[in-house]
């Protein structure tokens, strides 16, 4: 098709052609390139939806871990306060009189640091045990690794 004014040549579109009745059949059948693009679009949309679901799940897990961390910090603070109120430091003065003083902040920070290290060591130890030993067994019954039929077989006498 040619446009008489601008001299532009327009190529015929194979997807849309009104010239004959055979083209009406091609309208019903989608072009393979268009189908592949549409399928790729669907695959991309599915992948994006799956990624969005995974991101939402991970955000939920991180939020739960944050709550656990906050709860553990609160437990540490309450233990710290309980320890500092129960174990006063007694210092002797030059006059021989005992003066009761509260624990100094340096001692508290050392106990918190050691508590954190101890907790980390326990967590690492438990993790390693779980990895090597497998899941904890709820039953302590012995089970044979073979069937009863094999157990009933007689050994040949030599």
C-alpha atoms as a PDB file:
ATOM      1  CA  UNK A   1       0.000   0.000   0.000  1.00  0.00           C
ATOM      2  CA  UNK A   2       1.338   3.423  -0.823  1.00  0.00           C
ATOM      3  CA  UNK A   3       0.289   6.720   0.620  1.00  0.00           C
ATOM      4  CA  UNK A   4      -0.083   9.228  -2.239  1.00  0.00           C
ATOM      5  CA  UNK A   5       0.764  12.335  -0.188  1.00  0.00           C
ATOM      6  CA  UNK A   6       4.016  11.502   1.611  1.00  0.00           C
ATOM      7  CA  UNK A   7       5.290   8.746  -0.584  1.00  0.00           C
ATOM      8  CA  UNK A   8       5.546   6.361   2.396  1.00  0.00           C
ATOM      9  CA  UNK A   9       5.312   2.683   1.667  1.00  0.00           C
ATOM     10  CA  UNK A  10       3.316   0.794   4.272  1.00  0.00           C
ATOM     11  CA  UNK A  11       3.986  -2.900   4.540  1.00  0.00           C
ATOM     12  CA  UNK A  12       1.075  -5.161   5.056  1.00  0.00           C
ATOM     13  CA  UNK A  13       0.636  -6.485   8.563  1.00  0.00           C
ATOM     14  CA  UNK A  14       0.345 -10.303   8.472  1.00  0.00           C
ATOM     15  CA  UNK A  15      -1.577 -10.266  11.740  1.00  0.00           C
ATOM     16  CA  UNK A  16      -4.261  -7.917  10.504  1.00  0.00           C
ATOM     17  CA  UNK A  17      -5.354  -8.092   6.893  1.00  0.00           C
ATOM     18  CA  UNK A  18      -8.853  -7.379   5.527  1.00  0.00           C
ATOM     19  CA  UNK A  19      -8.030  -8.209   1.900  1.00  0.00           C
ATOM     20  CA  UNK A  20      -9.557 -11.685   1.599  1.00  0.00           C
ATOM     21  CA  UNK A  21     -11.516 -14.394   3.392  1.00  0.00           C
ATOM     22  CA  UNK A  22      -8.391 -16.505   3.966  1.00  0.00           C
ATOM     23  CA  UNK A  23      -7.105 -13.800   6.251  1.00  0.00           C
ATOM     24  CA  UNK A  24     -10.207 -14.164   8.428  1.00  0.00           C
ATOM     25  CA  UNK A  25      -8.974 -17.670   9.270  1.00  0.00           C
ATOM     26  CA  UNK A  26      -5.556 -16.299  10.187  1.00  0.00           C
ATOM     27  CA  UNK A  27      -7.230 -13.867  12.596  1.00  0.00           C
ATOM     28  CA  UNK A  28      -8.599 -16.799  14.531  1.00  0.00           C
ATOM     29  CA  UNK A  29      -5.194 -18.471  14.718  1.00  0.00           C
ATOM     30  CA  UNK A  30      -2.644 -16.455  16.684  1.00  0.00           C
ATOM     31  CA  UNK A  31       0.759 -15.827  15.190  1.00  0.00           C
ATOM     32  CA  UNK A  32       3.494 -18.012  16.813  1.00  0.00           C
ATOM     33  CA  UNK A  33       5.645 -14.997  17.716  1.00  0.00           C
ATOM     34  CA  UNK A  34       2.746 -13.297  19.466  1.00  0.00           C
ATOM     35  CA  UNK A  35       1.941 -16.505  21.309  1.00  0.00           C
ATOM     36  CA  UNK A  36       5.531 -16.909  22.483  1.00  0.00           C
ATOM     37  CA  UNK A  37       5.609 -13.293  23.702  1.00  0.00           C
ATOM     38  CA  UNK A  38       2.315 -13.792  25.515  1.00  0.00           C
ATOM     39  CA  UNK A  39       3.592 -17.021  27.104  1.00  0.00           C
ATOM     40  CA  UNK A  40       6.838 -15.320  28.121  1.00  0.00           C
ATOM     41  CA  UNK A  41       4.796 -12.526  29.666  1.00  0.00           C
ATOM     42  CA  UNK A  42       2.734 -15.060  31.627  1.00  0.00           C
ATOM     43  CA  UNK A  43       5.894 -16.850  32.782  1.00  0.00           C
ATOM     44  CA  UNK A  44       7.428 -13.546  33.902  1.00  0.00           C
ATOM     45  CA  UNK A  45       4.246 -12.575  35.743  1.00  0.00           C
ATOM     46  CA  UNK A  46       4.184 -15.971  37.457  1.00  0.00           C
ATOM     47  CA  UNK A  47       7.836 -15.633  38.452  1.00  0.00           C
ATOM     48  CA  UNK A  48       7.232 -12.136  39.808  1.00  0.00           C
ATOM     49  CA  UNK A  49       4.232 -13.344  41.809  1.00  0.00           C
ATOM     50  CA  UNK A  50       6.304 -16.220  43.219  1.00  0.00           C
ATOM     51  CA  UNK A  51       9.147 -13.861  44.143  1.00  0.00           C
ATOM     52  CA  UNK A  52       6.698 -11.486  45.790  1.00  0.00           C
ATOM     53  CA  UNK A  53       5.269 -14.355  47.834  1.00  0.00           C
ATOM     54  CA  UNK A  54       8.770 -15.426  48.915  1.00  0.00           C
ATOM     55  CA  UNK A  55       9.756 -11.864  49.824  1.00  0.00           C
ATOM     56  CA  UNK A  56       6.615 -11.507  51.936  1.00  0.00           C
ATOM     57  CA  UNK A  57       7.388 -14.802  53.672  1.00  0.00           C
ATOM     58  CA  UNK A  58      10.973 -13.732  54.374  1.00  0.00           C
ATOM     59  CA  UNK A  59       9.790 -10.377  55.716  1.00  0.00           C
ATOM     60  CA  UNK A  60       7.432 -12.221  58.054  1.00  0.00           C
ATOM     61  CA  UNK A  61      10.272 -14.492  59.255  1.00  0.00           C
ATOM     62  CA  UNK A  62      12.563 -11.505  59.831  1.00  0.00           C
ATOM     63  CA  UNK A  63       9.821  -9.756  61.782  1.00  0.00           C
ATOM     64  CA  UNK A  64       9.337 -12.842  63.976  1.00  0.00           C
ATOM     65  CA  UNK A  65      13.100 -13.030  64.596  1.00  0.00           C
ATOM     66  CA  UNK A  66      13.115  -9.354  65.543  1.00  0.00           C
ATOM     67  CA  UNK A  67      10.409 -10.043  68.117  1.00  0.00           C
ATOM     68  CA  UNK A  68      12.439 -12.967  69.480  1.00  0.00           C
ATOM     69  CA  UNK A  69      15.529 -10.763  69.749  1.00  0.00           C
ATOM     70  CA  UNK A  70      13.557  -8.079  71.575  1.00  0.00           C
ATOM     71  CA  UNK A  71      12.177 -10.680  73.998  1.00  0.00           C
ATOM     72  CA  UNK A  72      15.689 -12.046  74.662  1.00  0.00           C
ATOM     73  CA  UNK A  73      17.007  -8.531  75.290  1.00  0.00           C
ATOM     74  CA  UNK A  74      14.222  -7.922  77.781  1.00  0.00           C
ATOM     75  CA  UNK A  75      15.087 -11.189  79.541  1.00  0.00           C
ATOM     76  CA  UNK A  76      18.719 -10.128  79.707  1.00  0.00           C
ATOM     77  CA  UNK A  77      17.774  -6.760  81.194  1.00  0.00           C
ATOM     78  CA  UNK A  78      15.556  -8.343  83.835  1.00  0.00           C
ATOM     79  CA  UNK A  79      18.286 -10.838  84.778  1.00  0.00           C
ATOM     80  CA  UNK A  80      20.816  -8.036  84.886  1.00  0.00           C
ATOM     81  CA  UNK A  81      18.603  -5.997  87.180  1.00  0.00           C
ATOM     82  CA  UNK A  82      17.897  -9.027  89.371  1.00  0.00           C
ATOM     83  CA  UNK A  83      21.609  -9.876  89.638  1.00  0.00           C
ATOM     84  CA  UNK A  84      22.603  -6.325  90.451  1.00  0.00           C
ATOM     85  CA  UNK A  85      19.960  -6.025  93.161  1.00  0.00           C
ATOM     86  CA  UNK A  86      20.770  -9.399  94.764  1.00  0.00           C
ATOM     87  CA  UNK A  87      24.576  -9.253  94.869  1.00  0.00           C
ATOM     88  CA  UNK A  88      25.755  -5.993  96.394  1.00  0.00           C
ATOM     89  CA  UNK A  89      29.480  -5.333  96.497  1.00  0.00           C
ATOM     90  CA  UNK A  90      30.915  -4.844  99.980  1.00  0.00           C
ATOM     91  CA  UNK A  91      33.990  -2.612 100.225  1.00  0.00           C
ATOM     92  CA  UNK A  92      36.055  -1.968 103.290  1.00  0.00           C
ATOM     93  CA  UNK A  93      36.965   1.615 104.121  1.00  0.00           C
ATOM     94  CA  UNK A  94      40.056   2.886 105.877  1.00  0.00           C
ATOM     95  CA  UNK A  95      38.170   3.074 109.179  1.00  0.00           C
ATOM     96  CA  UNK A  96      37.297  -0.612 109.112  1.00  0.00           C
ATOM     97  CA  UNK A  97      33.597  -0.058 108.451  1.00  0.00           C
ATOM     98  CA  UNK A  98      31.946  -1.962 105.657  1.00  0.00           C
ATOM     99  CA  UNK A  99      30.155   0.131 103.057  1.00  0.00           C
ATOM    100  CA  UNK A 100      27.602  -1.514 100.764  1.00  0.00           C
ATOM    101  CA  UNK A 101      27.745  -0.266  97.180  1.00  0.00           C
ATOM    102  CA  UNK A 102      25.930  -1.311  94.048  1.00  0.00           C
ATOM    103  CA  UNK A 103      27.768  -3.123  91.278  1.00  0.00           C
ATOM    104  CA  UNK A 104      29.714  -0.809  89.025  1.00  0.00           C
ATOM    105  CA  UNK A 105      28.721  -0.424  85.365  1.00  0.00           C
ATOM    106  CA  UNK A 106      31.989  -2.009  84.186  1.00  0.00           C
ATOM    107  CA  UNK A 107      31.182  -5.219  86.028  1.00  0.00           C
ATOM    108  CA  UNK A 108      27.669  -5.246  84.564  1.00  0.00           C
ATOM    109  CA  UNK A 109      28.920  -4.811  81.017  1.00  0.00           C
ATOM    110  CA  UNK A 110      31.372  -7.675  81.514  1.00  0.00           C
ATOM    111  CA  UNK A 111      28.588  -9.967  82.758  1.00  0.00           C
ATOM    112  CA  UNK A 112      26.389  -9.030  79.792  1.00  0.00           C
ATOM    113  CA  UNK A 113      29.237  -9.705  77.371  1.00  0.00           C
ATOM    114  CA  UNK A 114      29.973 -13.063  78.966  1.00  0.00           C
ATOM    115  CA  UNK A 115      26.278 -13.905  78.923  1.00  0.00           C
ATOM    116  CA  UNK A 116      26.104 -13.144  75.225  1.00  0.00           C
ATOM    117  CA  UNK A 117      29.194 -15.225  74.523  1.00  0.00           C
ATOM    118  CA  UNK A 118      27.794 -18.082  76.605  1.00  0.00           C
ATOM    119  CA  UNK A 119      24.467 -17.927  74.792  1.00  0.00           C
ATOM    120  CA  UNK A 120      26.230 -17.916  71.438  1.00  0.00           C
ATOM    121  CA  UNK A 121      28.368 -20.880  72.441  1.00  0.00           C
ATOM    122  CA  UNK A 122      25.275 -22.795  73.573  1.00  0.00           C
ATOM    123  CA  UNK A 123      23.441 -22.004  70.357  1.00  0.00           C
ATOM    124  CA  UNK A 124      26.422 -23.088  68.237  1.00  0.00           C
ATOM    125  CA  UNK A 125      26.863 -26.265  70.277  1.00  0.00           C
ATOM    126  CA  UNK A 126      23.165 -27.154  69.952  1.00  0.00           C
ATOM    127  CA  UNK A 127      23.226 -26.432  66.227  1.00  0.00           C
ATOM    128  CA  UNK A 128      26.239 -28.672  65.662  1.00  0.00           C
ATOM    129  CA  UNK A 129      24.677 -31.463  67.727  1.00  0.00           C
ATOM    130  CA  UNK A 130      21.462 -31.197  65.733  1.00  0.00           C
ATOM    131  CA  UNK A 131      23.387 -31.343  62.455  1.00  0.00           C
ATOM    132  CA  UNK A 132      25.415 -34.432  63.365  1.00  0.00           C
ATOM    133  CA  UNK A 133      22.876 -36.322  65.433  1.00  0.00           C
ATOM    134  CA  UNK A 134      19.832 -35.566  63.329  1.00  0.00           C
ATOM    135  CA  UNK A 135      16.431 -34.828  64.827  1.00  0.00           C
ATOM    136  CA  UNK A 136      15.968 -35.764  68.469  1.00  0.00           C
ATOM    137  CA  UNK A 137      14.384 -39.167  68.946  1.00  0.00           C
ATOM    138  CA  UNK A 138      11.196 -39.181  70.948  1.00  0.00           C
ATOM    139  CA  UNK A 139      11.373 -42.895  71.583  1.00  0.00           C
ATOM    140  CA  UNK A 140      14.293 -44.760  73.072  1.00  0.00           C
ATOM    141  CA  UNK A 141      13.155 -48.154  71.807  1.00  0.00           C
ATOM    142  CA  UNK A 142      15.610 -50.227  69.803  1.00  0.00           C
ATOM    143  CA  UNK A 143      14.508 -51.017  66.293  1.00  0.00           C
ATOM    144  CA  UNK A 144      16.332 -53.419  64.041  1.00  0.00           C
ATOM    145  CA  UNK A 145      17.362 -52.086  60.657  1.00  0.00           C
ATOM    146  CA  UNK A 146      16.074 -55.222  58.927  1.00  0.00           C
ATOM    147  CA  UNK A 147      12.733 -57.002  58.636  1.00  0.00           C
ATOM    148  CA  UNK A 148      11.406 -59.847  60.756  1.00  0.00           C
ATOM    149  CA  UNK A 149      11.690 -62.235  57.819  1.00  0.00           C
ATOM    150  CA  UNK A 150      15.459 -61.733  57.724  1.00  0.00           C
ATOM    151  CA  UNK A 151      15.591 -62.111  61.492  1.00  0.00           C
ATOM    152  CA  UNK A 152      13.885 -65.542  61.239  1.00  0.00           C
ATOM    153  CA  UNK A 153      16.349 -66.929  58.688  1.00  0.00           C
ATOM    154  CA  UNK A 154      18.560 -69.745  59.947  1.00  0.00           C
ATOM    155  CA  UNK A 155      22.283 -69.577  59.479  1.00  0.00           C
ATOM    156  CA  UNK A 156      23.799 -72.665  57.795  1.00  0.00           C
ATOM    157  CA  UNK A 157      25.729 -75.020  60.055  1.00  0.00           C
ATOM    158  CA  UNK A 158      29.261 -75.695  58.927  1.00  0.00           C
END
